[in-house]
N, C-alpha and C. Protein backbone atom coordinates (compact mmCIF):
# COMPACT_ATOMS: atom_id res chain seq x y z
N MET A 1 38.99 23.31 87.80
CA MET A 1 37.82 24.13 87.68
C MET A 1 36.67 23.22 87.08
N THR A 2 35.78 22.79 87.89
CA THR A 2 34.83 21.91 87.38
C THR A 2 33.52 22.56 86.79
N ASP A 3 33.36 23.81 87.10
CA ASP A 3 32.16 24.67 86.62
C ASP A 3 32.45 25.46 85.47
N VAL A 4 33.45 25.28 84.74
CA VAL A 4 33.74 26.15 83.56
C VAL A 4 33.37 25.46 82.38
N ALA A 5 32.44 26.11 81.54
CA ALA A 5 32.00 25.49 80.30
C ALA A 5 33.09 25.75 79.22
N ILE A 6 33.31 24.68 78.38
CA ILE A 6 34.38 24.81 77.30
C ILE A 6 33.66 24.65 75.99
N ASN A 7 33.73 25.64 75.13
CA ASN A 7 33.17 25.47 73.85
C ASN A 7 34.29 25.53 72.77
N ASN A 8 35.09 24.53 72.71
CA ASN A 8 36.25 24.40 71.93
C ASN A 8 36.27 22.99 71.43
N ASP A 9 35.93 22.63 70.15
CA ASP A 9 35.97 21.31 69.67
C ASP A 9 37.32 20.65 69.62
N ALA A 10 38.39 21.50 69.30
CA ALA A 10 39.69 20.84 69.31
C ALA A 10 40.14 20.45 70.65
N LEU A 11 39.76 21.23 71.74
CA LEU A 11 40.14 20.92 73.10
C LEU A 11 39.28 19.65 73.54
N LYS A 12 38.10 19.68 73.16
CA LYS A 12 37.24 18.51 73.53
C LYS A 12 37.78 17.20 73.10
N THR A 13 38.39 17.22 71.80
CA THR A 13 38.96 15.99 71.27
C THR A 13 39.95 15.29 72.13
N LEU A 14 40.61 16.11 73.05
CA LEU A 14 41.69 15.57 73.90
C LEU A 14 41.07 14.74 75.06
N GLY A 15 39.76 14.90 75.29
CA GLY A 15 39.15 14.07 76.31
C GLY A 15 39.17 14.70 77.73
N ASP A 16 38.95 13.97 78.69
CA ASP A 16 38.89 14.55 80.08
C ASP A 16 40.37 14.67 80.56
N PHE A 17 40.38 15.63 81.37
CA PHE A 17 41.75 15.97 82.08
C PHE A 17 42.02 14.88 83.08
N LYS A 18 43.24 14.41 83.11
CA LYS A 18 43.67 13.34 83.96
C LYS A 18 44.81 13.90 84.87
N VAL A 19 44.57 13.92 86.14
CA VAL A 19 45.51 14.49 87.06
C VAL A 19 46.72 13.49 87.14
N ASP A 20 47.92 14.06 87.19
CA ASP A 20 49.16 13.20 87.20
C ASP A 20 49.79 13.31 88.60
N ASP A 21 50.24 12.28 89.17
CA ASP A 21 50.77 12.32 90.55
C ASP A 21 52.31 12.73 90.47
N LEU A 22 52.87 12.88 89.22
CA LEU A 22 54.22 13.11 89.13
C LEU A 22 54.55 14.45 89.74
N ASN A 23 55.66 14.46 90.66
CA ASN A 23 56.12 15.60 91.23
C ASN A 23 57.12 16.32 90.38
N VAL A 24 56.67 17.36 89.72
CA VAL A 24 57.53 18.07 88.82
C VAL A 24 58.68 18.80 89.47
N GLY A 25 58.50 19.09 90.78
CA GLY A 25 59.68 19.58 91.54
C GLY A 25 60.84 18.72 91.67
N GLN A 26 60.50 17.36 91.75
CA GLN A 26 61.55 16.31 91.77
C GLN A 26 62.26 16.26 90.45
N LEU A 27 61.47 16.47 89.30
CA LEU A 27 62.24 16.50 87.95
C LEU A 27 63.17 17.64 87.89
N GLY A 28 62.88 18.69 88.42
CA GLY A 28 63.80 19.86 88.41
C GLY A 28 65.04 19.59 89.17
N ILE A 29 64.83 18.94 90.35
CA ILE A 29 66.02 18.57 91.23
C ILE A 29 66.94 17.63 90.51
N ASN A 30 66.33 16.69 89.75
CA ASN A 30 67.24 15.75 89.08
C ASN A 30 67.68 16.08 87.70
N GLN A 31 67.30 17.20 87.17
CA GLN A 31 67.65 17.64 85.82
C GLN A 31 69.13 17.81 85.54
N PRO A 32 69.80 18.45 86.48
CA PRO A 32 71.29 18.55 86.20
C PRO A 32 71.99 17.23 86.13
N THR A 33 71.69 16.33 87.03
CA THR A 33 72.28 14.95 86.96
C THR A 33 71.96 14.34 85.69
N ALA A 34 70.65 14.33 85.23
CA ALA A 34 70.24 13.77 83.97
C ALA A 34 71.00 14.29 82.76
N GLN A 35 71.14 15.65 82.86
CA GLN A 35 71.81 16.26 81.71
C GLN A 35 73.25 15.87 81.58
N ARG A 36 73.90 15.73 82.78
CA ARG A 36 75.33 15.26 82.72
C ARG A 36 75.34 13.84 82.16
N LEU A 37 74.40 12.91 82.52
CA LEU A 37 74.41 11.63 82.00
C LEU A 37 74.22 11.61 80.45
N PHE A 38 73.30 12.48 80.03
CA PHE A 38 73.08 12.59 78.55
C PHE A 38 74.33 13.12 77.81
N ASP A 39 75.00 14.07 78.45
CA ASP A 39 76.22 14.59 77.82
C ASP A 39 77.32 13.55 77.74
N GLN A 40 77.48 12.81 78.79
CA GLN A 40 78.49 11.79 78.82
C GLN A 40 78.18 10.66 77.88
N ALA A 41 76.96 10.35 77.64
CA ALA A 41 76.60 9.22 76.71
C ALA A 41 76.60 9.79 75.31
N GLY A 42 76.77 11.03 75.13
CA GLY A 42 76.67 11.62 73.72
C GLY A 42 75.28 11.70 73.17
N TRP A 43 74.36 11.70 74.00
CA TRP A 43 72.91 11.66 73.41
C TRP A 43 72.53 13.00 72.93
N ARG A 44 71.90 13.03 71.75
CA ARG A 44 71.47 14.34 71.22
C ARG A 44 70.13 14.14 70.69
């Protein structure tokens, strides 16, 4: 939304919004495999 005015100083300190090309659907697909690897490695 480019036409929305924001009057929030804390939010303004974050800077301009940057679009990420990361496909979050792919993260969800890979999550079970990643979790198994973390479990096998003993990562906490």
